[in-house]
Amino acid sequence: MPFYTDSQRKIQAQFGCRPLADAVEKAIVTHELDDRHIPFIQSRDYFFLSTVNAAGEPTVSYKGGDVGTVTIIDSTTMAFPAYDGNGMMLSL
């Protein structure tokens, strides 16, 4: 799946910033965690989780706890506690 939508690409072309957008994508988009990411993630006491429903409508949830609230299982899997919170269970 492409990182940028067709609409975003059109605007990038219009403003002549596609090379910059491509460089940013190359620098920040990855399909796996590496040694740069893991210590940072494990040192956090909160994060924000975005979910999208079947209609494509997004929501963002705050997730917090003690430092290390996220456990790195492997380079493509992270685990975090599930708290009942508001009972919506969007994270699960």
PDB file of N, CA and C in Angstrom:
ATOM      1  N   MET A   1       0.847  -1.173   0.000  1.00  0.00           N
ATOM      2  CA  MET A   1       0.000   0.000   0.000  1.00  0.00           C
ATOM      3  C   MET A   1       0.897   1.241   0.000  1.00  0.00           C
ATOM      4  N   PRO A   2       0.655   2.151  -0.900  1.00  0.00           N
ATOM      5  CA  PRO A   2       1.471   3.372  -0.952  1.00  0.00           C
ATOM      6  C   PRO A   2       1.297   4.222   0.309  1.00  0.00           C
ATOM      7  N   PHE A   3       2.357   4.904   0.687  1.00  0.00           N
ATOM      8  CA  PHE A   3       2.312   5.779   1.856  1.00  0.00           C
ATOM      9  C   PHE A   3       1.472   7.024   1.575  1.00  0.00           C
ATOM     10  N   TYR A   4       1.608   7.591   0.387  1.00  0.00           N
ATOM     11  CA  TYR A   4       0.875   8.796   0.021  1.00  0.00           C
ATOM     12  C   TYR A   4      -0.317   8.451  -0.865  1.00  0.00           C
ATOM     13  N   THR A   5      -1.398   9.196  -0.717  1.00  0.00           N
ATOM     14  CA  THR A   5      -2.568   9.012  -1.582  1.00  0.00           C
ATOM     15  C   THR A   5      -2.342   9.722  -2.912  1.00  0.00           C
ATOM     16  N   ASP A   6      -3.185   9.415  -3.881  1.00  0.00           N
ATOM     17  CA  ASP A   6      -3.104  10.096  -5.173  1.00  0.00           C
ATOM     18  C   ASP A   6      -3.296  11.601  -5.011  1.00  0.00           C
ATOM     19  N   SER A   7      -4.200  12.001  -4.137  1.00  0.00           N
ATOM     20  CA  SER A   7      -4.434  13.431  -3.899  1.00  0.00           C
ATOM     21  C   SER A   7      -3.193  14.108  -3.315  1.00  0.00           C
ATOM     22  N   GLN A   8      -2.544  13.438  -2.393  1.00  0.00           N
ATOM     23  CA  GLN A   8      -1.323  14.001  -1.809  1.00  0.00           C
ATOM     24  C   GLN A   8      -0.234  14.111  -2.862  1.00  0.00           C
ATOM     25  N   ARG A   9      -0.111  13.106  -3.697  1.00  0.00           N
ATOM     26  CA  ARG A   9       0.897  13.142  -4.764  1.00  0.00           C
ATOM     27  C   ARG A   9       0.625  14.296  -5.729  1.00  0.00           C
ATOM     28  N   LYS A  10      -0.633  14.539  -6.030  1.00  0.00           N
ATOM     29  CA  LYS A  10      -0.994  15.633  -6.928  1.00  0.00           C
ATOM     30  C   LYS A  10      -0.566  16.983  -6.338  1.00  0.00           C
ATOM     31  N   ILE A  11      -0.817  17.174  -5.065  1.00  0.00           N
ATOM     32  CA  ILE A  11      -0.426  18.432  -4.410  1.00  0.00           C
ATOM     33  C   ILE A  11       1.093  18.537  -4.323  1.00  0.00           C
ATOM     34  N   GLN A  12       1.771  17.432  -4.028  1.00  0.00           N
ATOM     35  CA  GLN A  12       3.237  17.443  -3.997  1.00  0.00           C
ATOM     36  C   GLN A  12       3.789  17.876  -5.351  1.00  0.00           C
ATOM     37  N   ALA A  13       3.204  17.362  -6.427  1.00  0.00           N
ATOM     38  CA  ALA A  13       3.657  17.737  -7.774  1.00  0.00           C
ATOM     39  C   ALA A  13       3.375  19.211  -8.043  1.00  0.00           C
ATOM     40  N   GLN A  14       2.206  19.660  -7.619  1.00  0.00           N
ATOM     41  CA  GLN A  14       1.817  21.061  -7.833  1.00  0.00           C
ATOM     42  C   GLN A  14       2.809  22.015  -7.171  1.00  0.00           C
ATOM     43  N   PHE A  15       3.278  21.668  -5.994  1.00  0.00           N
ATOM     44  CA  PHE A  15       4.180  22.550  -5.256  1.00  0.00           C
ATOM     45  C   PHE A  15       5.651  22.160  -5.396  1.00  0.00           C
ATOM     46  N   GLY A  16       5.932  21.170  -6.232  1.00  0.00           N
ATOM     47  CA  GLY A  16       7.309  20.786  -6.495  1.00  0.00           C
ATOM     48  C   GLY A  16       8.036  20.179  -5.321  1.00  0.00           C
ATOM     49  N   CYS A  17       7.296  19.541  -4.445  1.00  0.00           N
ATOM     50  CA  CYS A  17       7.942  18.987  -3.245  1.00  0.00           C
ATOM     51  C   CYS A  17       7.926  17.464  -3.198  1.00  0.00           C
ATOM     52  N   ARG A  18       7.658  16.807  -4.308  1.00  0.00           N
ATOM     53  CA  ARG A  18       7.660  15.347  -4.301  1.00  0.00           C
ATOM     54  C   ARG A  18       9.015  14.773  -3.912  1.00  0.00           C
ATOM     55  N   PRO A  19      10.141  15.305  -4.412  1.00  0.00           N
ATOM     56  CA  PRO A  19      11.427  14.753  -3.966  1.00  0.00           C
ATOM     57  C   PRO A  19      11.612  14.840  -2.445  1.00  0.00           C
ATOM     58  N   LEU A  20      11.165  15.941  -1.851  1.00  0.00           N
ATOM     59  CA  LEU A  20      11.258  16.070  -0.400  1.00  0.00           C
ATOM     60  C   LEU A  20      10.343  15.048   0.280  1.00  0.00           C
ATOM     61  N   ALA A  21       9.106  14.929  -0.205  1.00  0.00           N
ATOM     62  CA  ALA A  21       8.170  13.963   0.369  1.00  0.00           C
ATOM     63  C   ALA A  21       8.714  12.541   0.264  1.00  0.00           C
ATOM     64  N   ASP A  22       9.327  12.219  -0.867  1.00  0.00           N
ATOM     65  CA  ASP A  22       9.921  10.890  -1.039  1.00  0.00           C
ATOM     66  C   ASP A  22      11.063  10.663  -0.053  1.00  0.00           C
ATOM     67  N   ALA A  23      11.883  11.701   0.162  1.00  0.00           N
ATOM     68  CA  ALA A  23      13.002  11.584   1.109  1.00  0.00           C
ATOM     69  C   ALA A  23      12.492  11.391   2.534  1.00  0.00           C
ATOM     70  N   VAL A  24      11.434  12.121   2.893  1.00  0.00           N
ATOM     71  CA  VAL A  24      10.859  11.973   4.237  1.00  0.00           C
ATOM     72  C   VAL A  24      10.304  10.564   4.410  1.00  0.00           C
ATOM     73  N   GLU A  25       9.569  10.084   3.400  1.00  0.00           N
ATOM     74  CA  GLU A  25       9.037   8.720   3.471  1.00  0.00           C
ATOM     75  C   GLU A  25      10.164   7.706   3.656  1.00  0.00           C
ATOM     76  N   LYS A  26      11.202   7.838   2.871  1.00  0.00           N
ATOM     77  CA  LYS A  26      12.331   6.899   2.966  1.00  0.00           C
ATOM     78  C   LYS A  26      12.984   6.935   4.349  1.00  0.00           C
ATOM     79  N   ALA A  27      13.023   8.109   4.956  1.00  0.00           N
ATOM     80  CA  ALA A  27      13.681   8.265   6.257  1.00  0.00           C
ATOM     81  C   ALA A  27      12.844   7.755   7.422  1.00  0.00           C
ATOM     82  N   ILE A  28      11.513   7.830   7.316  1.00  0.00           N
ATOM     83  CA  ILE A  28      10.691   7.534   8.503  1.00  0.00           C
ATOM     84  C   ILE A  28       9.797   6.310   8.386  1.00  0.00           C
ATOM     85  N   VAL A  29       9.519   5.838   7.190  1.00  0.00           N
ATOM     86  CA  VAL A  29       8.589   4.716   7.040  1.00  0.00           C
ATOM     87  C   VAL A  29       9.358   3.406   7.038  1.00  0.00           C
ATOM     88  N   THR A  30       8.953   2.523   7.918  1.00  0.00           N
ATOM     89  CA  THR A  30       9.587   1.214   8.021  1.00  0.00           C
ATOM     90  C   THR A  30       8.525   0.185   8.390  1.00  0.00           C
ATOM     91  N   HIS A  31       8.723  -1.033   8.009  1.00  0.00           N
ATOM     92  CA  HIS A  31       7.769  -2.088   8.319  1.00  0.00           C
ATOM     93  C   HIS A  31       8.176  -2.890   9.550  1.00  0.00           C
ATOM     94  N   GLU A  32       9.352  -2.581  10.079  1.00  0.00           N
ATOM     95  CA  GLU A  32       9.828  -3.282  11.266  1.00  0.00           C
ATOM     96  C   GLU A  32      10.543  -2.312  12.191  1.00  0.00           C
ATOM     97  N   LEU A  33      10.505  -2.637  13.476  1.00  0.00           N
ATOM     98  CA  LEU A  33      11.271  -1.879  14.459  1.00  0.00           C
ATOM     99  C   LEU A  33      12.734  -2.253  14.339  1.00  0.00           C
ATOM    100  N   ASP A  34      13.607  -1.309  14.634  1.00  0.00           N
ATOM    101  CA  ASP A  34      15.028  -1.630  14.669  1.00  0.00           C
ATOM    102  C   ASP A  34      15.638  -1.053  15.943  1.00  0.00           C
ATOM    103  N   ASP A  35      16.935  -1.148  16.055  1.00  0.00           N
ATOM    104  CA  ASP A  35      17.620  -0.741  17.286  1.00  0.00           C
ATOM    105  C   ASP A  35      17.473   0.746  17.603  1.00  0.00           C
ATOM    106  N   ARG A  36      17.064   1.547  16.636  1.00  0.00           N
ATOM    107  CA  ARG A  36      16.798   2.969  16.912  1.00  0.00           C
ATOM    108  C   ARG A  36      15.470   3.146  17.637  1.00  0.00           C
ATOM    109  N   HIS A  37      14.515   2.293  17.366  1.00  0.00           N
ATOM    110  CA  HIS A  37      13.166   2.450  17.885  1.00  0.00           C
ATOM    111  C   HIS A  37      12.951   1.819  19.254  1.00  0.00           C
ATOM    112  N   ILE A  38      13.479   0.634  19.445  1.00  0.00           N
ATOM    113  CA  ILE A  38      13.143  -0.175  20.621  1.00  0.00           C
ATOM    114  C   ILE A  38      13.469   0.510  21.947  1.00  0.00           C
ATOM    115  N   PRO A  39      14.674   1.038  22.172  1.00  0.00           N
ATOM    116  CA  PRO A  39      14.935   1.690  23.461  1.00  0.00           C
ATOM    117  C   PRO A  39      14.009   2.884  23.723  1.00  0.00           C
ATOM    118  N   PHE A  40      13.724   3.645  22.681  1.00  0.00           N
ATOM    119  CA  PHE A  40      12.827   4.794  22.850  1.00  0.00           C
ATOM    120  C   PHE A  40      11.428   4.330  23.262  1.00  0.00           C
ATOM    121  N   ILE A  41      10.880   3.380  22.546  1.00  0.00           N
ATOM    122  CA  ILE A  41       9.532   2.887  22.849  1.00  0.00           C
ATOM    123  C   ILE A  41       9.474   2.330  24.264  1.00  0.00           C
ATOM    124  N   GLN A  42      10.471   1.554  24.643  1.00  0.00           N
ATOM    125  CA  GLN A  42      10.468   0.935  25.976  1.00  0.00           C
ATOM    126  C   GLN A  42      10.655   1.944  27.101  1.00  0.00           C
ATOM    127  N   SER A  43      11.135   3.134  26.795  1.00  0.00           N
ATOM    128  CA  SER A  43      11.350   4.147  27.842  1.00  0.00           C
ATOM    129  C   SER A  43      10.148   5.076  28.031  1.00  0.00           C
ATOM    130  N   ARG A  44       9.094   4.883  27.283  1.00  0.00           N
ATOM    131  CA  ARG A  44       7.909   5.744  27.363  1.00  0.00           C
ATOM    132  C   ARG A  44       6.914   5.229  28.393  1.00  0.00           C
ATOM    133  N   ASP A  45       6.155   6.166  28.973  1.00  0.00           N
ATOM    134  CA  ASP A  45       5.093   5.778  29.893  1.00  0.00           C
ATOM    135  C   ASP A  45       3.705   6.032  29.291  1.00  0.00           C
ATOM    136  N   TYR A  46       3.665   6.431  28.039  1.00  0.00           N
ATOM    137  CA  TYR A  46       2.390   6.587  27.350  1.00  0.00           C
ATOM    138  C   TYR A  46       2.614   6.581  25.834  1.00  0.00           C
ATOM    139  N   PHE A  47       1.523   6.372  25.122  1.00  0.00           N
ATOM    140  CA  PHE A  47       1.539   6.488  23.669  1.00  0.00           C
ATOM    141  C   PHE A  47       0.117   6.741  23.211  1.00  0.00           C
ATOM    142  N   PHE A  48      -0.046   7.070  21.959  1.00  0.00           N
ATOM    143  CA  PHE A  48      -1.357   7.274  21.363  1.00  0.00           C
ATOM    144  C   PHE A  48      -1.563   6.194  20.305  1.00  0.00           C
ATOM    145  N   LEU A  49      -2.726   5.584  20.331  1.00  0.00           N
ATOM    146  CA  LEU A  49      -3.062   4.521  19.402  1.00  0.00           C
ATOM    147  C   LEU A  49      -4.200   4.991  18.511  1.00  0.00           C
ATOM    148  N   SER A  50      -3.992   4.918  17.216  1.00  0.00           N
ATOM    149  CA  SER A  50      -5.040   5.287  16.271  1.00  0.00           C
ATOM    150  C   SER A  50      -5.675   4.018  15.712  1.00  0.00           C
ATOM    151  N   THR A  51      -6.995   4.009  15.672  1.00  0.00           N
ATOM    152  CA  THR A  51      -7.728   2.907  15.075  1.00  0.00           C
ATOM    153  C   THR A  51      -8.688   3.488  14.040  1.00  0.00           C
ATOM    154  N   VAL A  52      -9.118   2.645  13.129  1.00  0.00           N
ATOM    155  CA  VAL A  52     -10.041   3.061  12.073  1.00  0.00           C
ATOM    156  C   VAL A  52     -11.157   2.028  12.000  1.00  0.00           C
ATOM    157  N   ASN A  53     -12.410   2.502  11.962  1.00  0.00           N
ATOM    158  CA  ASN A  53     -13.523   1.554  11.873  1.00  0.00           C
ATOM    159  C   ASN A  53     -13.760   1.127  10.425  1.00  0.00           C
ATOM    160  N   ALA A  54     -14.733   0.265  10.211  1.00  0.00           N
ATOM    161  CA  ALA A  54     -14.998  -0.280   8.875  1.00  0.00           C
ATOM    162  C   ALA A  54     -15.360   0.799   7.861  1.00  0.00           C
ATOM    163  N   ALA A  55     -15.864   1.945   8.330  1.00  0.00           N
ATOM    164  CA  ALA A  55     -16.225   3.046   7.432  1.00  0.00           C
ATOM    165  C   ALA A  55     -15.035   3.973   7.175  1.00  0.00           C
ATOM    166  N   GLY A  56     -13.884   3.636   7.742  1.00  0.00           N
ATOM    167  CA  GLY A  56     -12.701   4.463   7.543  1.00  0.00           C
ATOM    168  C   GLY A  56     -12.613   5.657   8.472  1.00  0.00           C
ATOM    169  N   GLU A  57     -13.436   5.692   9.497  1.00  0.00           N
ATOM    170  CA  GLU A  57     -13.446   6.810  10.447  1.00  0.00           C
ATOM    171  C   GLU A  57     -12.419   6.551  11.553  1.00  0.00           C
ATOM    172  N   PRO A  58     -11.477   7.467  11.730  1.00  0.00           N
ATOM    173  CA  PRO A  58     -10.417   7.246  12.718  1.00  0.00           C
ATOM    174  C   PRO A  58     -10.793   7.731  14.112  1.00  0.00           C
ATOM    175  N   THR A  59     -10.086   7.181  15.077  1.00  0.00           N
ATOM    176  CA  THR A  59     -10.130   7.671  16.445  1.00  0.00           C
ATOM    177  C   THR A  59      -8.719   7.512  17.009  1.00  0.00           C
ATOM    178  N   VAL A  60      -8.401   8.306  18.003  1.00  0.00           N
ATOM    179  CA  VAL A  60      -7.086   8.225  18.640  1.00  0.00           C
ATOM    180  C   VAL A  60      -7.302   8.087  20.138  1.00  0.00           C
ATOM    181  N   SER A  61      -6.616   7.117  20.739  1.00  0.00           N
ATOM    182  CA  SER A  61      -6.751   6.847  22.166  1.00  0.00           C
ATOM    183  C   SER A  61      -5.416   7.030  22.870  1.00  0.00           C
ATOM    184  N   TYR A  62      -5.453   7.695  24.022  1.00  0.00           N
ATOM    185  CA  TYR A  62      -4.289   7.802  24.900  1.00  0.00           C
ATOM    186  C   TYR A  62      -4.151   6.478  25.638  1.00  0.00           C
ATOM    187  N   LYS A  63      -2.934   5.959  25.715  1.00  0.00           N
ATOM    188  CA  LYS A  63      -2.637   4.743  26.474  1.00  0.00           C
ATOM    189  C   LYS A  63      -1.464   5.056  27.386  1.00  0.00           C
ATOM    190  N   GLY A  64      -1.647   4.888  28.678  1.00  0.00           N
ATOM    191  CA  GLY A  64      -0.579   5.222  29.596  1.00  0.00           C
ATOM    192  C   GLY A  64      -0.411   4.203  30.692  1.00  0.00           C
ATOM    193  N   GLY A  65       0.706   4.295  31.368  1.00  0.00           N
ATOM    194  CA  GLY A  65       1.030   3.390  32.466  1.00  0.00           C
ATOM    195  C   GLY A  65       2.416   3.720  32.960  1.00  0.00           C
ATOM    196  N   ASP A  66       3.071   2.742  33.513  1.00  0.00           N
ATOM    197  CA  ASP A  66       4.436   2.915  33.968  1.00  0.00           C
ATOM    198  C   ASP A  66       5.391   2.937  32.775  1.00  0.00           C
ATOM    199  N   VAL A  67       6.599   3.442  33.002  1.00  0.00           N
ATOM    200  CA  VAL A  67       7.622   3.349  31.969  1.00  0.00           C
ATOM    201  C   VAL A  67       7.746   1.885  31.577  1.00  0.00           C
ATOM    202  N   GLY A  68       7.813   1.639  30.298  1.00  0.00           N
ATOM    203  CA  GLY A  68       7.857   0.268  29.816  1.00  0.00           C
ATOM    204  C   GLY A  68       6.484  -0.327  29.597  1.00  0.00           C
ATOM    205  N   THR A  69       5.463   0.526  29.545  1.00  0.00           N
ATOM    206  CA  THR A  69       4.096   0.026  29.365  1.00  0.00           C
ATOM    207  C   THR A  69       3.934  -0.756  28.068  1.00  0.00           C
ATOM    208  N   VAL A  70       4.795  -0.490  27.091  1.00  0.00           N
ATOM    209  CA  VAL A  70       4.789  -1.248  25.841  1.00  0.00           C
ATOM    210  C   VAL A  70       5.927  -2.267  25.886  1.00  0.00           C
ATOM    211  N   THR A  71       5.598  -3.503  25.580  1.00  0.00           N
ATOM    212  CA  THR A  71       6.590  -4.565  25.504  1.00  0.00           C
ATOM    213  C   THR A  71       6.854  -4.883  24.039  1.00  0.00           C
ATOM    214  N   ILE A  72       8.113  -4.951  23.680  1.00  0.00           N
ATOM    215  CA  ILE A  72       8.489  -5.323  22.321  1.00  0.00           C
ATOM    216  C   ILE A  72       8.603  -6.842  22.279  1.00  0.00           C
ATOM    217  N   ILE A  73       7.755  -7.479  21.489  1.00  0.00           N
ATOM    218  CA  ILE A  73       7.769  -8.938  21.359  1.00  0.00           C
ATOM    219  C   ILE A  73       8.809  -9.348  20.312  1.00  0.00           C
ATOM    220  N   ASP A  74       8.747  -8.706  19.155  1.00  0.00           N
ATOM    221  CA  ASP A  74       9.733  -8.905  18.100  1.00  0.00           C
ATOM    222  C   ASP A  74       9.704  -7.680  17.194  1.00  0.00           C
ATOM    223  N   SER A  75      10.378  -7.724  16.080  1.00  0.00           N
ATOM    224  CA  SER A  75      10.530  -6.523  15.256  1.00  0.00           C
ATOM    225  C   SER A  75       9.236  -6.046  14.600  1.00  0.00           C
ATOM    226  N   THR A  76       8.177  -6.846  14.671  1.00  0.00           N
ATOM    227  CA  THR A  76       6.899  -6.431  14.092  1.00  0.00           C
ATOM    228  C   THR A  76       5.732  -6.503  15.069  1.00  0.00           C
ATOM    229  N   THR A  77       6.037  -6.786  16.350  1.00  0.00           N
ATOM    230  CA  THR A  77       4.961  -6.975  17.323  1.00  0.00           C
ATOM    231  C   THR A  77       5.249  -6.240  18.624  1.00  0.00           C
ATOM    232  N   MET A  78       4.283  -5.420  19.054  1.00  0.00           N
ATOM    233  CA  MET A  78       4.345  -4.756  20.346  1.00  0.00           C
ATOM    234  C   MET A  78       3.117  -5.174  21.144  1.00  0.00           C
ATOM    235  N   ALA A  79       3.235  -5.222  22.461  1.00  0.00           N
ATOM    236  CA  ALA A  79       2.109  -5.562  23.332  1.00  0.00           C
ATOM    237  C   ALA A  79       1.960  -4.478  24.387  1.00  0.00           C
ATOM    238  N   PHE A  80       0.723  -4.213  24.760  1.00  0.00           N
ATOM    239  CA  PHE A  80       0.443  -3.229  25.797  1.00  0.00           C
ATOM    240  C   PHE A  80      -0.776  -3.690  26.578  1.00  0.00           C
ATOM    241  N   PRO A  81      -0.916  -3.230  27.830  1.00  0.00           N
ATOM    242  CA  PRO A  81      -2.052  -3.653  28.639  1.00  0.00           C
ATOM    243  C   PRO A  81      -3.368  -3.135  28.061  1.00  0.00           C
ATOM    244  N   ALA A  82      -4.418  -3.911  28.223  1.00  0.00           N
ATOM    245  CA  ALA A  82      -5.761  -3.477  27.831  1.00  0.00           C
ATOM    246  C   ALA A  82      -6.494  -3.044  29.093  1.00  0.00           C
ATOM    247  N   TYR A  83      -6.850  -1.784  29.152  1.00  0.00           N
ATOM    248  CA  TYR A  83      -7.607  -1.241  30.277  1.00  0.00           C
ATOM    249  C   TYR A  83      -9.041  -0.994  29.827  1.00  0.00           C
ATOM    250  N   ASP A  84     -10.002  -1.273  30.697  1.00  0.00           N
ATOM    251  CA  ASP A  84     -11.417  -1.111  30.356  1.00  0.00           C
ATOM    252  C   ASP A  84     -11.737   0.342  30.003  1.00  0.00           C
ATOM    253  N   GLY A  85     -11.177   1.293  30.755  1.00  0.00           N
ATOM    254  CA  GLY A  85     -11.373   2.713  30.473  1.00  0.00           C
ATOM    255  C   GLY A  85     -12.816   3.081  30.253  1.00  0.00           C
ATOM    256  N   ASN A  86     -13.123   3.556  29.050  1.00  0.00           N
ATOM    257  CA  ASN A  86     -14.494   4.019  28.763  1.00  0.00           C
ATOM    258  C   ASN A  86     -15.396   2.894  28.241  1.00  0.00           C
ATOM    259  N   GLY A  87     -14.901   1.680  28.202  1.00  0.00           N
ATOM    260  CA  GLY A  87     -15.704   0.539  27.801  1.00  0.00           C
ATOM    261  C   GLY A  87     -15.924   0.392  26.306  1.00  0.00           C
ATOM    262  N   MET A  88     -15.319   1.260  25.505  1.00  0.00           N
ATOM    263  CA  MET A  88     -15.523   1.190  24.060  1.00  0.00           C
ATOM    264  C   MET A  88     -14.740   0.051  23.413  1.00  0.00           C
ATOM    265  N   MET A  89     -13.616  -0.335  23.999  1.00  0.00           N
ATOM    266  CA  MET A  89     -12.782  -1.444  23.541  1.00  0.00           C
ATOM    267  C   MET A  89     -12.290  -1.273  22.104  1.00  0.00           C
ATOM    268  N   LEU A  90     -12.068  -0.052  21.660  1.00  0.00           N
ATOM    269  CA  LEU A  90     -11.604   0.201  20.304  1.00  0.00           C
ATOM    270  C   LEU A  90     -10.198  -0.325  20.076  1.00  0.00           C
ATOM    271  N   SER A  91      -9.414  -0.428  21.128  1.00  0.00           N
ATOM    272  CA  SER A  91      -8.038  -0.879  21.005  1.00  0.00           C
ATOM    273  C   SER A  91      -7.922  -2.393  20.830  1.00  0.00           C
ATOM    274  N   LEU A  92      -8.983  -3.077  21.193  1.00  0.00           N
ATOM    275  CA  LEU A  92      -8.928  -4.536  21.140  1.00  0.00           C
ATOM    276  C   LEU A  92      -9.547  -5.052  19.876  1.00  0.00           C
TER     277      LEU A  92
END
